[in-house]
Amino acid sequence: MAELQQLQDFEIPAGREALRGNHGALLRVADYCEDNYVKATDKRKALEETMAFATQALASVAYQVGNLAGHTLRMLDLQSTALRQVEARVSALGQMVDMHLEKVARREIGTLAAVQRLYPGQKVIAPSSLPPLEPYCRRPINFGCLDDIGHGVKDLSTQLSRTGTLGRRSIKAPAAPASATLGRAPRILQTVRPPVRPDGRLDASSASSIAMA
C-alpha cells in the first residue's frame, strides 16, 4: 500500500514532469539544429550534429516514456491486488453474515421446537340460570312464497293450500255403468260359491290318518 501511495504521489508525477521537460528540450534542439544547419558552411557536419542531437533526444524521450509506463503498470497491478483483497474481505464478511443468520435461524427453530408448558386457564363455569326456552310451535311451510321472484313461468293451475300441500279435489263416486252398446242390457256377473264337502264322507288319506291315530 505504501508503494502504491509512493507511485501515485512521487514516481508518476515526476515522470510526467520529465516528459514535459523533454518536450521543451526537443523544441530547443530542433531550433538549434535548424539555425546551425542554415548558418553552417559545412552542411554535412551540421547534418551529422543534428542527427546526433535527434538520436540523443529521442532516446531520452523513449526512456522517460518507458519509465512512466512501467510505473503506471505497477500502479495498476497494485490497485488490482488491492481490489482483489477488498473483494476477498467482502466475501468473507458475506460468509460471516450468512453464518450468523444461520445461527440465528437455528436458535429460533430451537425456540419453536422447545416444549412449552401450558398453564391451566379458567375453567368453564355453568351459568346460574338458563334463559327461558321458547315453546315449539309448528308453522306450516308455504312453498309458494317465492313464486313471484325471478323470471320463471307461474303455473296457475296448481294451487297450494295453507298447509303447503296440493289442494285436494273432491273424489266423486263411480258413476253407474252406462247402457250397453248396440241396445244390449248390461251383463251382471253372479257370485260363485266355494265348494262344500258333504257330511259323512272322508277321503282315503284322511281315514287312514284317523285310523293310525
Protein backbone atom coordinates (compact mmCIF):
# COMPACT_ATOMS: atom_id res chain seq x y z
CA MET A 1 0.00 0.00 0.00
CA ALA A 2 2.92 2.32 0.75
CA GLU A 3 4.40 1.53 -2.65
CA LEU A 4 1.15 2.40 -4.36
CA GLN A 5 0.97 5.67 -2.43
CA GLN A 6 4.56 6.48 -3.40
CA LEU A 7 3.89 5.77 -7.06
CA GLN A 8 0.78 7.95 -7.06
CA ASP A 9 2.42 10.81 -5.15
CA PHE A 10 6.01 10.87 -6.44
CA GLU A 11 7.03 8.49 -9.22
CA ILE A 12 4.29 9.09 -11.76
CA PRO A 13 4.13 12.91 -11.30
CA ALA A 14 7.93 13.06 -11.61
CA GLY A 15 7.83 11.04 -14.84
CA ARG A 16 5.18 13.36 -16.29
CA GLU A 17 7.27 16.41 -15.41
CA ALA A 18 10.30 14.77 -17.04
CA LEU A 19 8.32 14.20 -20.24
CA ARG A 20 7.24 17.84 -20.28
CA GLY A 21 10.88 18.88 -19.81
CA ASN A 22 12.00 16.63 -22.65
CA HIS A 23 9.28 18.15 -24.84
CA GLY A 24 10.73 21.62 -24.26
CA ALA A 25 14.27 20.31 -24.77
CA LEU A 26 13.27 18.75 -28.09
CA LEU A 27 11.86 22.07 -29.27
CA ARG A 28 15.07 23.87 -28.33
CA VAL A 29 17.23 21.21 -30.00
CA ALA A 30 15.13 21.47 -33.15
CA ASP A 31 15.56 25.27 -33.23
CA TYR A 32 19.30 24.97 -32.64
CA CYS A 33 19.75 22.33 -35.33
CA GLU A 34 17.78 24.42 -37.81
CA ASP A 35 19.80 27.58 -37.15
CA ASN A 36 23.07 25.65 -37.16
CA TYR A 37 22.25 23.97 -40.46
CA VAL A 38 21.33 27.30 -42.06
CA LYS A 39 24.40 29.17 -40.79
CA ALA A 40 26.95 26.37 -41.11
CA THR A 41 29.29 26.37 -44.09
CA ASP A 42 29.82 22.60 -43.82
CA LYS A 43 26.35 21.23 -44.33
CA ARG A 44 27.42 17.63 -43.87
CA LYS A 45 28.94 18.25 -40.47
CA ALA A 46 25.86 20.22 -39.39
CA LEU A 47 23.62 17.37 -40.57
CA GLU A 48 25.62 14.81 -38.59
CA GLU A 49 25.45 17.00 -35.50
CA THR A 50 21.68 17.34 -35.96
CA MET A 51 21.29 13.57 -36.30
CA ALA A 52 23.29 13.03 -33.10
CA PHE A 53 21.13 15.50 -31.16
CA ALA A 54 17.92 13.95 -32.51
CA THR A 55 19.06 10.44 -31.59
CA GLN A 56 20.01 11.51 -28.08
CA ALA A 57 16.73 13.40 -27.58
CA LEU A 58 14.62 10.52 -28.88
CA ALA A 59 16.49 8.07 -26.63
CA SER A 60 15.84 10.31 -23.63
CA VAL A 61 12.16 10.60 -24.51
CA ALA A 62 11.86 6.83 -25.02
CA TYR A 63 13.49 6.21 -21.64
CA GLN A 64 11.14 8.64 -19.92
CA VAL A 65 8.09 7.11 -21.64
CA GLY A 66 9.19 3.58 -20.70
CA ASN A 67 9.88 4.61 -17.11
CA LEU A 68 6.48 6.28 -16.80
CA ALA A 69 4.73 3.31 -18.45
CA GLY A 70 6.42 0.91 -16.03
CA HIS A 71 5.35 2.97 -13.04
CA THR A 72 1.79 3.14 -14.42
CA LEU A 73 1.60 -0.63 -14.96
CA ARG A 74 2.98 -1.21 -11.47
CA MET A 75 0.34 1.11 -10.05
CA LEU A 76 -2.41 -0.75 -11.95
CA ASP A 77 -1.12 -4.09 -10.67
CA LEU A 78 -1.10 -2.84 -7.10
CA GLN A 79 -4.60 -1.45 -7.50
CA SER A 80 -5.81 -4.79 -8.92
CA THR A 81 -4.25 -6.59 -5.96
CA ALA A 82 -5.91 -4.17 -3.57
CA LEU A 83 -9.26 -4.68 -5.29
CA ARG A 84 -8.89 -8.46 -5.02
CA GLN A 85 -8.10 -8.11 -1.33
CA VAL A 86 -11.15 -5.92 -0.82
CA GLU A 87 -13.26 -8.44 -2.73
CA ALA A 88 -11.94 -11.26 -0.55
CA ARG A 89 -12.76 -9.27 2.58
CA VAL A 90 -16.26 -8.53 1.34
CA SER A 91 -16.77 -12.20 0.52
CA ALA A 92 -15.52 -13.18 3.98
CA LEU A 93 -17.88 -10.66 5.57
CA GLY A 94 -20.75 -12.04 3.49
CA GLN A 95 -19.95 -15.57 4.66
CA MET A 96 -19.79 -14.39 8.28
CA VAL A 97 -23.17 -12.70 7.89
CA ASP A 98 -24.64 -15.87 6.37
CA MET A 99 -23.23 -17.95 9.23
CA HIS A 100 -24.68 -15.52 11.77
CA LEU A 101 -28.08 -15.61 10.08
CA GLU A 102 -27.98 -19.41 10.04
CA LYS A 103 -27.14 -19.48 13.75
CA VAL A 104 -29.99 -17.10 14.50
CA ALA A 105 -32.37 -19.22 12.41
CA ARG A 106 -31.25 -22.39 14.20
CA ARG A 107 -31.77 -20.67 17.54
CA GLU A 108 -35.27 -19.61 16.51
CA ILE A 109 -36.06 -23.13 15.32
CA GLY A 110 -34.86 -24.49 18.65
CA THR A 111 -37.05 -22.00 20.47
CA LEU A 112 -40.09 -23.06 18.46
CA ALA A 113 -39.32 -26.75 18.93
CA ALA A 114 -38.95 -26.46 22.71
CA VAL A 115 -41.68 -27.97 24.84
CA GLN A 116 -43.92 -25.22 26.13
CA ARG A 117 -45.78 -25.62 29.38
CA LEU A 118 -49.40 -24.66 29.15
CA TYR A 119 -50.69 -23.07 32.31
CA PRO A 120 -54.22 -24.07 33.35
CA GLY A 121 -56.71 -21.42 32.49
CA GLN A 122 -60.05 -20.59 33.95
CA LYS A 123 -62.45 -23.49 33.94
CA VAL A 124 -65.82 -23.40 32.25
CA ILE A 125 -68.48 -22.40 34.76
CA ALA A 126 -72.09 -23.26 34.10
CA PRO A 127 -74.48 -20.31 34.24
CA SER A 128 -76.61 -20.00 37.34
CA SER A 129 -79.85 -19.63 35.41
CA LEU A 130 -80.67 -20.62 31.86
CA PRO A 131 -82.71 -18.34 29.63
CA PRO A 132 -86.33 -19.41 29.16
CA LEU A 133 -86.81 -21.60 26.15
CA GLU A 134 -89.40 -20.66 23.58
CA PRO A 135 -92.08 -23.33 23.24
CA TYR A 136 -92.13 -25.17 19.97
CA CYS A 137 -94.81 -24.03 17.59
CA ARG A 138 -95.34 -25.82 14.35
CA ARG A 139 -95.72 -23.46 11.45
CA PRO A 140 -96.85 -24.68 8.04
CA ILE A 141 -94.40 -24.28 5.19
CA ASN A 142 -95.60 -22.06 2.38
CA PHE A 143 -93.99 -23.39 -0.78
CA GLY A 144 -95.48 -20.63 -2.92
CA CYS A 145 -93.94 -17.64 -1.13
CA LEU A 146 -91.15 -17.41 -3.71
CA ASP A 147 -93.23 -17.99 -6.83
CA ASP A 148 -93.28 -14.30 -7.77
CA ILE A 149 -89.48 -13.96 -7.63
CA GLY A 150 -87.38 -14.38 -10.76
CA HIS A 151 -88.24 -14.75 -14.41
CA GLY A 152 -89.92 -18.15 -14.29
CA VAL A 153 -93.40 -19.01 -15.51
CA LYS A 154 -96.04 -19.39 -12.83
CA ASP A 155 -98.50 -22.24 -13.30
CA LEU A 156 -101.87 -21.01 -12.05
CA SER A 157 -103.49 -24.40 -12.49
CA THR A 158 -101.67 -25.75 -9.45
CA GLN A 159 -102.73 -24.01 -6.25
CA LEU A 160 -101.11 -24.61 -2.90
CA SER A 161 -103.17 -24.71 0.23
CA ARG A 162 -102.30 -23.08 3.51
CA THR A 163 -100.73 -26.25 4.80
CA GLY A 164 -98.31 -26.30 1.87
CA THR A 165 -99.80 -29.38 0.19
CA LEU A 166 -101.67 -29.62 -3.04
CA GLY A 167 -105.39 -28.90 -2.86
CA ARG A 168 -107.42 -32.00 -2.57
CA ARG A 169 -110.05 -32.38 -5.20
CA SER A 170 -113.35 -33.89 -4.38
CA ILE A 171 -113.45 -37.58 -5.13
CA LYS A 172 -116.59 -38.49 -6.98
CA ALA A 173 -118.24 -41.83 -6.65
CA PRO A 174 -118.05 -44.03 -9.70
CA ALA A 175 -120.99 -43.43 -11.94
CA ALA A 176 -123.41 -46.12 -12.83
CA PRO A 177 -122.43 -48.15 -15.83
CA ALA A 178 -123.78 -46.73 -19.00
CA SER A 179 -126.16 -48.58 -21.16
CA ALA A 180 -124.63 -51.30 -23.23
CA THR A 181 -123.83 -50.62 -26.76
CA LEU A 182 -125.97 -51.84 -29.61
CA GLY A 183 -129.07 -51.96 -27.39
CA ARG A 184 -127.89 -54.89 -25.20
CA ALA A 185 -128.67 -54.96 -21.49
CA PRO A 186 -125.76 -54.80 -19.13
CA ARG A 187 -124.46 -58.18 -18.01
CA ILE A 188 -124.45 -58.74 -14.25
CA LEU A 189 -121.96 -61.34 -13.02
CA GLN A 190 -123.21 -63.76 -10.36
CA THR A 191 -121.09 -64.70 -7.40
CA VAL A 192 -119.71 -68.25 -7.38
CA ARG A 193 -119.92 -70.12 -4.09
CA PRO A 194 -116.91 -72.17 -2.97
CA PRO A 195 -117.28 -76.00 -2.99
CA VAL A 196 -118.52 -77.61 0.23
CA ARG A 197 -117.57 -81.14 1.31
CA PRO A 198 -120.64 -83.40 2.04
CA ASP A 199 -121.16 -84.65 5.55
CA GLY A 200 -120.12 -88.24 6.49
CA ARG A 201 -117.70 -88.70 3.64
CA LEU A 202 -113.93 -88.67 4.11
CA ASP A 203 -111.29 -89.39 1.62
CA ALA A 204 -108.87 -92.28 1.93
CA SER A 205 -105.93 -90.27 3.19
CA SER A 206 -108.00 -88.64 5.95
CA ALA A 207 -109.42 -92.02 7.02
CA SER A 208 -106.02 -93.67 7.19
CA SER A 209 -104.60 -90.82 9.28
CA ILE A 210 -107.51 -91.11 11.72
CA ALA A 211 -107.05 -94.91 11.96
CA MET A 212 -103.37 -94.59 12.74
CA ALA A 213 -104.13 -92.06 15.45
